[in-house]
Amino acid sequence: AWSMTVNMKIDLSKADQRGTAVGLNEFAGYSGVAVLAAVSGYV
């Protein structure tokens, strides 16, 4: 799943937008990691 979201974003992006595309992908993924790490700890 994670491999495909990053590859699909790169497919959609121009060459000089790839850093931005991957950055947004990883921002979303690791925001999910962070939020649920805190939530699961609280629960």
PDB file of all heavy atoms in Angstrom:
ATOM      1  N   ALA A   1       0.817  -1.220   0.000  1.00  0.00           N
ATOM      2  CA  ALA A   1       0.000   0.000   0.000  1.00  0.00           C
ATOM      3  C   ALA A   1       0.849   1.268   0.000  1.00  0.00           C
ATOM      4  O   ALA A   1       0.603   2.190  -0.789  1.00  0.00           O
ATOM      5  CB  ALA A   1      -0.950  -0.008   1.205  1.00  0.00           C
ATOM      6  N   TRP A   2       1.852   1.338   0.879  1.00  0.00           N
ATOM      7  CA  TRP A   2       2.676   2.550   0.952  1.00  0.00           C
ATOM      8  C   TRP A   2       3.503   2.714  -0.321  1.00  0.00           C
ATOM      9  O   TRP A   2       3.636   3.822  -0.850  1.00  0.00           O
ATOM     10  CB  TRP A   2       3.580   2.490   2.187  1.00  0.00           C
ATOM     11  CG  TRP A   2       4.124   3.819   2.634  1.00  0.00           C
ATOM     12  CD1 TRP A   2       4.732   4.773   1.848  1.00  0.00           C
ATOM     13  CD2 TRP A   2       4.087   4.364   3.963  1.00  0.00           C
ATOM     14  NE1 TRP A   2       5.098   5.857   2.615  1.00  0.00           N
ATOM     15  CE2 TRP A   2       4.719   5.637   3.906  1.00  0.00           C
ATOM     16  CE3 TRP A   2       3.635   3.895   5.186  1.00  0.00           C
ATOM     17  CZ2 TRP A   2       4.880   6.445   5.036  1.00  0.00           C
ATOM     18  CZ3 TRP A   2       3.783   4.698   6.307  1.00  0.00           C
ATOM     19  CH2 TRP A   2       4.401   5.956   6.236  1.00  0.00           C
ATOM     20  N   SER A   3       4.063   1.612  -0.834  1.00  0.00           N
ATOM     21  CA  SER A   3       4.836   1.680  -2.080  1.00  0.00           C
ATOM     22  C   SER A   3       3.998   2.240  -3.217  1.00  0.00           C
ATOM     23  O   SER A   3       4.472   3.041  -4.031  1.00  0.00           O
ATOM     24  CB  SER A   3       5.343   0.288  -2.469  1.00  0.00           C
ATOM     25  OG  SER A   3       6.289  -0.189  -1.547  1.00  0.00           O
ATOM     26  N   MET A   4       2.738   1.815  -3.288  1.00  0.00           N
ATOM     27  CA  MET A   4       1.901   2.260  -4.401  1.00  0.00           C
ATOM     28  C   MET A   4       1.488   3.721  -4.266  1.00  0.00           C
ATOM     29  O   MET A   4       1.419   4.448  -5.250  1.00  0.00           O
ATOM     30  CB  MET A   4       0.653   1.374  -4.508  1.00  0.00           C
ATOM     31  CG  MET A   4       0.966  -0.033  -4.993  1.00  0.00           C
ATOM     32  SD  MET A   4       2.017  -0.080  -6.483  1.00  0.00           S
ATOM     33  CE  MET A   4       3.637  -0.467  -5.776  1.00  0.00           C
ATOM     34  N   THR A   5       1.214   4.178  -3.035  1.00  0.00           N
ATOM     35  CA  THR A   5       0.825   5.594  -2.905  1.00  0.00           C
ATOM     36  C   THR A   5       1.971   6.509  -3.334  1.00  0.00           C
ATOM     37  O   THR A   5       1.743   7.515  -4.006  1.00  0.00           O
ATOM     38  CB  THR A   5       0.397   5.933  -1.463  1.00  0.00           C
ATOM     39  OG1 THR A   5       1.456   5.649  -0.552  1.00  0.00           O
ATOM     40  CG2 THR A   5      -0.859   5.176  -1.073  1.00  0.00           C
ATOM     41  N   VAL A   6       3.221   6.140  -2.999  1.00  0.00           N
ATOM     42  CA  VAL A   6       4.337   6.997  -3.393  1.00  0.00           C
ATOM     43  C   VAL A   6       4.594   6.910  -4.898  1.00  0.00           C
ATOM     44  O   VAL A   6       4.833   7.928  -5.567  1.00  0.00           O
ATOM     45  CB  VAL A   6       5.612   6.680  -2.579  1.00  0.00           C
ATOM     46  CG1 VAL A   6       6.221   5.350  -2.939  1.00  0.00           C
ATOM     47  CG2 VAL A   6       6.637   7.785  -2.736  1.00  0.00           C
ATOM     48  N   ASN A   7       4.519   5.703  -5.473  1.00  0.00           N
ATOM     49  CA  ASN A   7       4.740   5.570  -6.911  1.00  0.00           C
ATOM     50  C   ASN A   7       3.650   6.264  -7.721  1.00  0.00           C
ATOM     51  O   ASN A   7       3.928   6.879  -8.757  1.00  0.00           O
ATOM     52  CB  ASN A   7       4.820   4.088  -7.293  1.00  0.00           C
ATOM     53  CG  ASN A   7       6.209   3.505  -7.066  1.00  0.00           C
ATOM     54  OD1 ASN A   7       7.191   3.999  -7.605  1.00  0.00           O
ATOM     55  ND2 ASN A   7       6.294   2.468  -6.263  1.00  0.00           N
ATOM     56  N   MET A   8       2.423   6.187  -7.253  1.00  0.00           N
ATOM     57  CA  MET A   8       1.322   6.835  -7.977  1.00  0.00           C
ATOM     58  C   MET A   8       1.444   8.354  -7.915  1.00  0.00           C
ATOM     59  O   MET A   8       1.145   9.048  -8.894  1.00  0.00           O
ATOM     60  CB  MET A   8      -0.022   6.363  -7.413  1.00  0.00           C
ATOM     61  CG  MET A   8      -0.308   4.891  -7.713  1.00  0.00           C
ATOM     62  SD  MET A   8      -1.748   4.217  -6.868  1.00  0.00           S
ATOM     63  CE  MET A   8      -3.041   4.641  -8.048  1.00  0.00           C
ATOM     64  N   LYS A   9       1.900   8.883  -6.793  1.00  0.00           N
ATOM     65  CA  LYS A   9       2.118  10.336  -6.711  1.00  0.00           C
ATOM     66  C   LYS A   9       3.228  10.785  -7.657  1.00  0.00           C
ATOM     67  O   LYS A   9       3.132  11.831  -8.299  1.00  0.00           O
ATOM     68  CB  LYS A   9       2.451  10.744  -5.269  1.00  0.00           C
ATOM     69  CG  LYS A   9       1.272  10.735  -4.324  1.00  0.00           C
ATOM     70  CD  LYS A   9       1.685  11.273  -2.965  1.00  0.00           C
ATOM     71  CE  LYS A   9       0.544  11.212  -1.966  1.00  0.00           C
ATOM     72  NZ  LYS A   9       0.224   9.815  -1.574  1.00  0.00           N
ATOM     73  N   ILE A  10       4.305   9.987  -7.738  1.00  0.00           N
ATOM     74  CA  ILE A  10       5.399  10.326  -8.650  1.00  0.00           C
ATOM     75  C   ILE A  10       4.917  10.238 -10.100  1.00  0.00           C
ATOM     76  O   ILE A  10       5.297  11.061 -10.944  1.00  0.00           O
ATOM     77  CB  ILE A  10       6.602   9.402  -8.402  1.00  0.00           C
ATOM     78  CG1 ILE A  10       7.241   9.745  -7.040  1.00  0.00           C
ATOM     79  CG2 ILE A  10       7.640   9.533  -9.512  1.00  0.00           C
ATOM     80  CD1 ILE A  10       8.323   8.782  -6.608  1.00  0.00           C
ATOM     81  N   ASP A  11       4.063   9.259 -10.408  1.00  0.00           N
ATOM     82  CA  ASP A  11       3.486   9.150 -11.752  1.00  0.00           C
ATOM     83  C   ASP A  11       2.715  10.415 -12.133  1.00  0.00           C
ATOM     84  O   ASP A  11       2.745  10.853 -13.286  1.00  0.00           O
ATOM     85  CB  ASP A  11       2.529   7.956 -11.831  1.00  0.00           C
ATOM     86  CG  ASP A  11       3.227   6.619 -11.737  1.00  0.00           C
ATOM     87  OD1 ASP A  11       4.459   6.569 -11.922  1.00  0.00           O
ATOM     88  OD2 ASP A  11       2.535   5.617 -11.462  1.00  0.00           O
ATOM     89  N   LEU A  12       1.999  10.974 -11.163  1.00  0.00           N
ATOM     90  CA  LEU A  12       1.169  12.157 -11.428  1.00  0.00           C
ATOM     91  C   LEU A  12       1.967  13.444 -11.524  1.00  0.00           C
ATOM     92  O   LEU A  12       1.480  14.446 -12.064  1.00  0.00           O
ATOM     93  CB  LEU A  12       0.109  12.311 -10.330  1.00  0.00           C
ATOM     94  CG  LEU A  12      -0.945  11.200 -10.210  1.00  0.00           C
ATOM     95  CD1 LEU A  12      -1.821  11.445  -8.987  1.00  0.00           C
ATOM     96  CD2 LEU A  12      -1.807  11.108 -11.470  1.00  0.00           C
ATOM     97  N   SER A  13       3.195  13.444 -11.003  1.00  0.00           N
ATOM     98  CA  SER A  13       3.962  14.679 -10.816  1.00  0.00           C
ATOM     99  C   SER A  13       4.964  14.922 -11.940  1.00  0.00           C
ATOM    100  O   SER A  13       5.465  13.986 -12.567  1.00  0.00           O
ATOM    101  CB  SER A  13       4.716  14.626  -9.484  1.00  0.00           C
ATOM    102  OG  SER A  13       3.842  14.394  -8.418  1.00  0.00           O
ATOM    103  N   LYS A  14       5.275  16.190 -12.138  1.00  0.00           N
ATOM    104  CA  LYS A  14       6.372  16.558 -13.033  1.00  0.00           C
ATOM    105  C   LYS A  14       7.702  16.253 -12.356  1.00  0.00           C
ATOM    106  O   LYS A  14       7.768  16.070 -11.138  1.00  0.00           O
ATOM    107  CB  LYS A  14       6.290  18.043 -13.373  1.00  0.00           C
ATOM    108  CG  LYS A  14       5.047  18.433 -14.168  1.00  0.00           C
ATOM    109  CD  LYS A  14       5.004  19.929 -14.402  1.00  0.00           C
ATOM    110  CE  LYS A  14       3.750  20.332 -15.176  1.00  0.00           C
ATOM    111  NZ  LYS A  14       3.651  21.806 -15.358  1.00  0.00           N
ATOM    112  N   ALA A  15       8.771  16.228 -13.140  1.00  0.00           N
ATOM    113  CA  ALA A  15      10.080  15.850 -12.597  1.00  0.00           C
ATOM    114  C   ALA A  15      10.534  16.769 -11.471  1.00  0.00           C
ATOM    115  O   ALA A  15      11.132  16.332 -10.500  1.00  0.00           O
ATOM    116  CB  ALA A  15      11.122  15.834 -13.718  1.00  0.00           C
ATOM    117  N   ASP A  16      10.244  18.085 -11.602  1.00  0.00           N
ATOM    118  CA  ASP A  16      10.688  19.025 -10.571  1.00  0.00           C
ATOM    119  C   ASP A  16       9.685  19.151  -9.420  1.00  0.00           C
ATOM    120  O   ASP A  16       9.780  20.058  -8.596  1.00  0.00           O
ATOM    121  CB  ASP A  16      10.973  20.402 -11.178  1.00  0.00           C
ATOM    122  CG  ASP A  16       9.744  21.022 -11.845  1.00  0.00           C
ATOM    123  OD1 ASP A  16       8.682  20.354 -11.899  1.00  0.00           O
ATOM    124  OD2 ASP A  16       9.843  22.166 -12.317  1.00  0.00           O
ATOM    125  N   GLN A  17       8.705  18.231  -9.368  1.00  0.00           N
ATOM    126  CA  GLN A  17       7.740  18.197  -8.260  1.00  0.00           C
ATOM    127  C   GLN A  17       7.866  16.920  -7.428  1.00  0.00           C
ATOM    128  O   GLN A  17       7.099  16.712  -6.493  1.00  0.00           O
ATOM    129  CB  GLN A  17       6.307  18.279  -8.806  1.00  0.00           C
ATOM    130  CG  GLN A  17       5.974  19.564  -9.533  1.00  0.00           C
ATOM    131  CD  GLN A  17       4.576  19.531 -10.146  1.00  0.00           C
ATOM    132  OE1 GLN A  17       4.079  18.475 -10.547  1.00  0.00           O
ATOM    133  NE2 GLN A  17       3.939  20.681 -10.219  1.00  0.00           N
ATOM    134  N   ARG A  18       8.840  16.084  -7.741  1.00  0.00           N
ATOM    135  CA  ARG A  18       8.914  14.773  -7.100  1.00  0.00           C
ATOM    136  C   ARG A  18       9.236  14.867  -5.614  1.00  0.00           C
ATOM    137  O   ARG A  18       8.694  14.113  -4.804  1.00  0.00           O
ATOM    138  CB  ARG A  18       9.945  13.892  -7.817  1.00  0.00           C
ATOM    139  CG  ARG A  18       9.465  13.437  -9.186  1.00  0.00           C
ATOM    140  CD  ARG A  18      10.572  12.750  -9.963  1.00  0.00           C
ATOM    141  NE  ARG A  18      10.129  12.446 -11.319  1.00  0.00           N
ATOM    142  CZ  ARG A  18      10.961  12.162 -12.323  1.00  0.00           C
ATOM    143  NH1 ARG A  18      12.267  12.153 -12.121  1.00  0.00           N
ATOM    144  NH2 ARG A  18      10.484  11.893 -13.520  1.00  0.00           N
ATOM    145  N   GLY A  19      10.136  15.771  -5.251  1.00  0.00           N
ATOM    146  CA  GLY A  19      10.432  15.956  -3.836  1.00  0.00           C
ATOM    147  C   GLY A  19       9.197  16.395  -3.075  1.00  0.00           C
ATOM    148  O   GLY A  19       8.915  15.897  -1.975  1.00  0.00           O
ATOM    149  N   THR A  20       8.445  17.301  -3.669  1.00  0.00           N
ATOM    150  CA  THR A  20       7.197  17.774  -3.053  1.00  0.00           C
ATOM    151  C   THR A  20       6.198  16.627  -2.933  1.00  0.00           C
ATOM    152  O   THR A  20       5.557  16.453  -1.889  1.00  0.00           O
ATOM    153  CB  THR A  20       6.580  18.903  -3.900  1.00  0.00           C
ATOM    154  OG1 THR A  20       7.527  19.967  -4.015  1.00  0.00           O
ATOM    155  CG2 THR A  20       5.305  19.426  -3.271  1.00  0.00           C
ATOM    156  N   ALA A  21       6.078  15.839  -4.002  1.00  0.00           N
ATOM    157  CA  ALA A  21       5.124  14.718  -4.012  1.00  0.00           C
ATOM    158  C   ALA A  21       5.452  13.693  -2.943  1.00  0.00           C
ATOM    159  O   ALA A  21       4.587  13.265  -2.176  1.00  0.00           O
ATOM    160  CB  ALA A  21       5.106  14.065  -5.393  1.00  0.00           C
ATOM    161  N   VAL A  22       6.730  13.306  -2.878  1.00  0.00           N
ATOM    162  CA  VAL A  22       7.135  12.312  -1.885  1.00  0.00           C
ATOM    163  C   VAL A  22       7.020  12.891  -0.479  1.00  0.00           C
ATOM    164  O   VAL A  22       6.609  12.198   0.464  1.00  0.00           O
ATOM    165  CB  VAL A  22       8.569  11.817  -2.163  1.00  0.00           C
ATOM    166  CG1 VAL A  22       9.009  10.840  -1.083  1.00  0.00           C
ATOM    167  CG2 VAL A  22       8.653  11.149  -3.532  1.00  0.00           C
ATOM    168  N   GLY A  23       7.365  14.180  -0.326  1.00  0.00           N
ATOM    169  CA  GLY A  23       7.243  14.826   0.974  1.00  0.00           C
ATOM    170  C   GLY A  23       5.826  14.809   1.494  1.00  0.00           C
ATOM    171  O   GLY A  23       5.583  14.518   2.672  1.00  0.00           O
ATOM    172  N   LEU A  24       4.866  15.094   0.637  1.00  0.00           N
ATOM    173  CA  LEU A  24       3.456  15.070   1.036  1.00  0.00           C
ATOM    174  C   LEU A  24       3.002  13.646   1.368  1.00  0.00           C
ATOM    175  O   LEU A  24       2.239  13.433   2.313  1.00  0.00           O
ATOM    176  CB  LEU A  24       2.589  15.661  -0.071  1.00  0.00           C
ATOM    177  CG  LEU A  24       2.648  17.187  -0.213  1.00  0.00           C
ATOM    178  CD1 LEU A  24       2.028  17.632  -1.534  1.00  0.00           C
ATOM    179  CD2 LEU A  24       1.937  17.859   0.958  1.00  0.00           C
ATOM    180  N   ASN A  25       3.486  12.683   0.585  1.00  0.00           N
ATOM    181  CA  ASN A  25       3.136  11.287   0.849  1.00  0.00           C
ATOM    182  C   ASN A  25       3.641  10.849   2.219  1.00  0.00           C
ATOM    183  O   ASN A  25       2.903  10.258   3.016  1.00  0.00           O
ATOM    184  CB  ASN A  25       3.739  10.389  -0.229  1.00  0.00           C
ATOM    185  CG  ASN A  25       3.252   8.958  -0.142  1.00  0.00           C
ATOM    186  OD1 ASN A  25       2.129   8.654  -0.502  1.00  0.00           O
ATOM    187  ND2 ASN A  25       4.094   8.062   0.356  1.00  0.00           N
ATOM    188  N   GLU A  26       4.918  11.151   2.496  1.00  0.00           N
ATOM    189  CA  GLU A  26       5.516  10.724   3.759  1.00  0.00           C
ATOM    190  C   GLU A  26       4.962  11.526   4.932  1.00  0.00           C
ATOM    191  O   GLU A  26       4.818  11.009   6.038  1.00  0.00           O
ATOM    192  CB  GLU A  26       7.038  10.843   3.679  1.00  0.00           C
ATOM    193  CG  GLU A  26       7.658  10.071   2.519  1.00  0.00           C
ATOM    194  CD  GLU A  26       7.314   8.590   2.543  1.00  0.00           C
ATOM    195  OE1 GLU A  26       7.756   7.876   3.437  1.00  0.00           O
ATOM    196  OE2 GLU A  26       6.562   8.149   1.639  1.00  0.00           O
ATOM    197  N   PHE A  27       4.637  12.808   4.689  1.00  0.00           N
ATOM    198  CA  PHE A  27       3.994  13.619   5.728  1.00  0.00           C
ATOM    199  C   PHE A  27       2.694  12.964   6.179  1.00  0.00           C
ATOM    200  O   PHE A  27       2.429  12.818   7.373  1.00  0.00           O
ATOM    201  CB  PHE A  27       3.709  15.025   5.196  1.00  0.00           C
ATOM    202  CG  PHE A  27       2.611  15.741   5.925  1.00  0.00           C
ATOM    203  CD1 PHE A  27       2.809  16.240   7.207  1.00  0.00           C
ATOM    204  CD2 PHE A  27       1.354  15.894   5.337  1.00  0.00           C
ATOM    205  CE1 PHE A  27       1.782  16.886   7.888  1.00  0.00           C
ATOM    206  CE2 PHE A  27       0.327  16.537   6.013  1.00  0.00           C
ATOM    207  CZ  PHE A  27       0.546  17.034   7.292  1.00  0.00           C
ATOM    208  N   ALA A  28       1.901  12.561   5.205  1.00  0.00           N
ATOM    209  CA  ALA A  28       0.617  11.940   5.534  1.00  0.00           C
ATOM    210  C   ALA A  28       0.817  10.621   6.270  1.00  0.00           C
ATOM    211  O   ALA A  28       0.180  10.357   7.303  1.00  0.00           O
ATOM    212  CB  ALA A  28      -0.194  11.716   4.255  1.00  0.00           C
ATOM    213  N   GLY A  29       1.718   9.781   5.749  1.00  0.00           N
ATOM    214  CA  GLY A  29       1.935   8.470   6.356  1.00  0.00           C
ATOM    215  C   GLY A  29       2.431   8.567   7.782  1.00  0.00           C
ATOM    216  O   GLY A  29       1.904   7.908   8.685  1.00  0.00           O
ATOM    217  N   TYR A  30       3.419   9.423   8.020  1.00  0.00           N
ATOM    218  CA  TYR A  30       3.997   9.506   9.355  1.00  0.00           C
ATOM    219  C   TYR A  30       3.168  10.363  10.307  1.00  0.00           C
ATOM    220  O   TYR A  30       3.297  10.229  11.530  1.00  0.00           O
ATOM    221  CB  TYR A  30       5.462   9.944   9.275  1.00  0.00           C
ATOM    222  CG  TYR A  30       6.288   8.769   8.823  1.00  0.00           C
ATOM    223  CD1 TYR A  30       6.611   8.600   7.481  1.00  0.00           C
ATOM    224  CD2 TYR A  30       6.658   7.779   9.719  1.00  0.00           C
ATOM    225  CE1 TYR A  30       7.301   7.489   7.049  1.00  0.00           C
ATOM    226  CE2 TYR A  30       7.354   6.663   9.300  1.00  0.00           C
ATOM    227  CZ  TYR A  30       7.669   6.518   7.968  1.00  0.00           C
ATOM    228  OH  TYR A  30       8.338   5.395   7.543  1.00  0.00           O
ATOM    229  N   SER A  31       2.306  11.203   9.759  1.00  0.00           N
ATOM    230  CA  SER A  31       1.309  11.851  10.606  1.00  0.00           C
ATOM    231  C   SER A  31       0.342  10.803  11.140  1.00  0.00           C
ATOM    232  O   SER A  31      -0.054  10.839  12.310  1.00  0.00           O
ATOM    233  CB  SER A  31       0.546  12.918   9.817  1.00  0.00           C
ATOM    234  OG  SER A  31       1.409  13.967   9.436  1.00  0.00           O
ATOM    235  N   GLY A  32      -0.019   9.860  10.281  1.00  0.00           N
ATOM    236  CA  GLY A  32      -0.862   8.752  10.725  1.00  0.00           C
ATOM    237  C   GLY A  32      -0.179   7.914  11.795  1.00  0.00           C
ATOM    238  O   GLY A  32      -0.787   7.531  12.799  1.00  0.00           O
ATOM    239  N   VAL A  33       1.126   7.649  11.605  1.00  0.00           N
ATOM    240  CA  VAL A  33       1.887   6.918  12.619  1.00  0.00           C
ATOM    241  C   VAL A  33       1.850   7.662  13.952  1.00  0.00           C
ATOM    242  O   VAL A  33       1.588   7.082  15.011  1.00  0.00           O
ATOM    243  CB  VAL A  33       3.357   6.727  12.166  1.00  0.00           C
ATOM    244  CG1 VAL A  33       4.189   6.118  13.295  1.00  0.00           C
ATOM    245  CG2 VAL A  33       3.433   5.834  10.934  1.00  0.00           C
ATOM    246  N   ALA A  34       2.113   8.972  13.899  1.00  0.00           N
ATOM    247  CA  ALA A  34       2.201   9.772  15.124  1.00  0.00           C
ATOM    248  C   ALA A  34       0.871   9.853  15.861  1.00  0.00           C
ATOM    249  O   ALA A  34       0.799   9.645  17.080  1.00  0.00           O
ATOM    250  CB  ALA A  34       2.686  11.180  14.774  1.00  0.00           C
ATOM    251  N   VAL A  35      -0.182  10.167  15.122  1.00  0.00           N
ATOM    252  CA  VAL A  35      -1.500  10.336  15.748  1.00  0.00           C
ATOM    253  C   VAL A  35      -1.949   9.041  16.414  1.00  0.00           C
ATOM    254  O   VAL A  35      -2.401   9.033  17.570  1.00  0.00           O
ATOM    255  CB  VAL A  35      -2.546  10.803  14.709  1.00  0.00           C
ATOM    256  CG1 VAL A  35      -3.954  10.743  15.297  1.00  0.00           C
ATOM    257  CG2 VAL A  35      -2.230  12.222  14.255  1.00  0.00           C
ATOM    258  N   LEU A  36      -1.794   7.930  15.709  1.00  0.00           N
ATOM    259  CA  LEU A  36      -2.262   6.664  16.278  1.00  0.00           C
ATOM    260  C   LEU A  36      -1.326   6.134  17.362  1.00  0.00           C
ATOM    261  O   LEU A  36      -1.770   5.395  18.250  1.00  0.00           O
ATOM    262  CB  LEU A  36      -2.467   5.635  15.168  1.00  0.00           C
ATOM    263  CG  LEU A  36      -3.896   5.560  14.614  1.00  0.00           C
ATOM    264  CD1 LEU A  36      -4.872   5.079  15.710  1.00  0.00           C
ATOM    265  CD2 LEU A  36      -4.368   6.908  14.068  1.00  0.00           C
ATOM    266  N   ALA A  37      -0.041   6.512  17.325  1.00  0.00           N
ATOM    267  CA  ALA A  37       0.855   6.144  18.431  1.00  0.00           C
ATOM    268  C   ALA A  37       0.386   6.813  19.715  1.00  0.00           C
ATOM    269  O   ALA A  37       0.359   6.193  20.791  1.00  0.00           O
ATOM    270  CB  ALA A  37       2.292   6.544  18.117  1.00  0.00           C
ATOM    271  N   ALA A  38       0.006   8.093  19.605  1.00  0.00           N
ATOM    272  CA  ALA A  38      -0.491   8.811  20.786  1.00  0.00           C
ATOM    273  C   ALA A  38      -1.861   8.297  21.210  1.00  0.00           C
ATOM    274  O   ALA A  38      -2.116   8.064  22.401  1.00  0.00           O
ATOM    275  CB  ALA A  38      -0.564  10.305  20.484  1.00  0.00           C
ATOM    276  N   VAL A  39      -2.746   8.091  20.248  1.00  0.00           N
ATOM    277  CA  VAL A  39      -4.104   7.626  20.556  1.00  0.00           C
ATOM    278  C   VAL A  39      -4.068   6.231  21.179  1.00  0.00           C
ATOM    279  O   VAL A  39      -4.747   5.965  22.173  1.00  0.00           O
ATOM    280  CB  VAL A  39      -4.977   7.633  19.280  1.00  0.00           C
ATOM    281  CG1 VAL A  39      -6.297   6.897  19.521  1.00  0.00           C
ATOM    282  CG2 VAL A  39      -5.253   9.066  18.838  1.00  0.00           C
ATOM    283  N   SER A  40      -3.266   5.337  20.604  1.00  0.00           N
ATOM    284  CA  SER A  40      -3.203   3.971  21.136  1.00  0.00           C
ATOM    285  C   SER A  40      -2.609   3.957  22.536  1.00  0.00           C
ATOM    286  O   SER A  40      -3.027   3.176  23.394  1.00  0.00           O
ATOM    287  CB  SER A  40      -2.412   3.053  20.206  1.00  0.00           C
ATOM    288  OG  SER A  40      -1.058   3.466  20.115  1.00  0.00           O
ATOM    289  N   GLY A  41      -1.627   4.848  22.791  1.00  0.00           N
ATOM    290  CA  GLY A  41      -1.071   4.957  24.133  1.00  0.00           C
ATOM    291  C   GLY A  41      -2.109   5.425  25.134  1.00  0.00           C
ATOM    292  O   GLY A  41      -2.199   4.884  26.254  1.00  0.00           O
ATOM    293  N   TYR A  42      -2.919   6.400  24.717  1.00  0.00           N
ATOM    294  CA  TYR A  42      -3.986   6.905  25.604  1.00  0.00           C
ATOM    295  C   TYR A  42      -5.047   5.826  25.849  1.00  0.00           C
ATOM    296  O   TYR A  42      -5.469   5.604  26.992  1.00  0.00           O
ATOM    297  CB  TYR A  42      -4.633   8.136  24.979  1.00  0.00           C
ATOM    298  CG  TYR A  42      -5.859   8.600  25.723  1.00  0.00           C
ATOM    299  CD1 TYR A  42      -5.751   9.294  26.923  1.00  0.00           C
ATOM    300  CD2 TYR A  42      -7.142   8.311  25.236  1.00  0.00           C
ATOM    301  CE1 TYR A  42      -6.872   9.708  27.629  1.00  0.00           C
ATOM    302  CE2 TYR A  42      -8.271   8.716  25.927  1.00  0.00           C
ATOM    303  CZ  TYR A  42      -8.138   9.417  27.121  1.00  0.00           C
ATOM    304  OH  TYR A  42      -9.255   9.808  27.807  1.00  0.00           O
ATOM    305  N   VAL A  43      -5.471   5.157  24.780  1.00  0.00           N
ATOM    306  CA  VAL A  43      -6.499   4.120  24.916  1.00  0.00           C
ATOM    307  C   VAL A  43      -5.982   2.974  25.781  1.00  0.00           C
ATOM    308  O   VAL A  43      -6.700   2.446  26.638  1.00  0.00           O
ATOM    309  CB  VAL A  43      -6.923   3.600  23.518  1.00  0.00           C
ATOM    310  CG1 VAL A  43      -7.834   2.383  23.648  1.00  0.00           C
ATOM    311  CG2 VAL A  43      -7.633   4.703  22.741  1.00  0.00           C
TER     312      VAL A  43
END
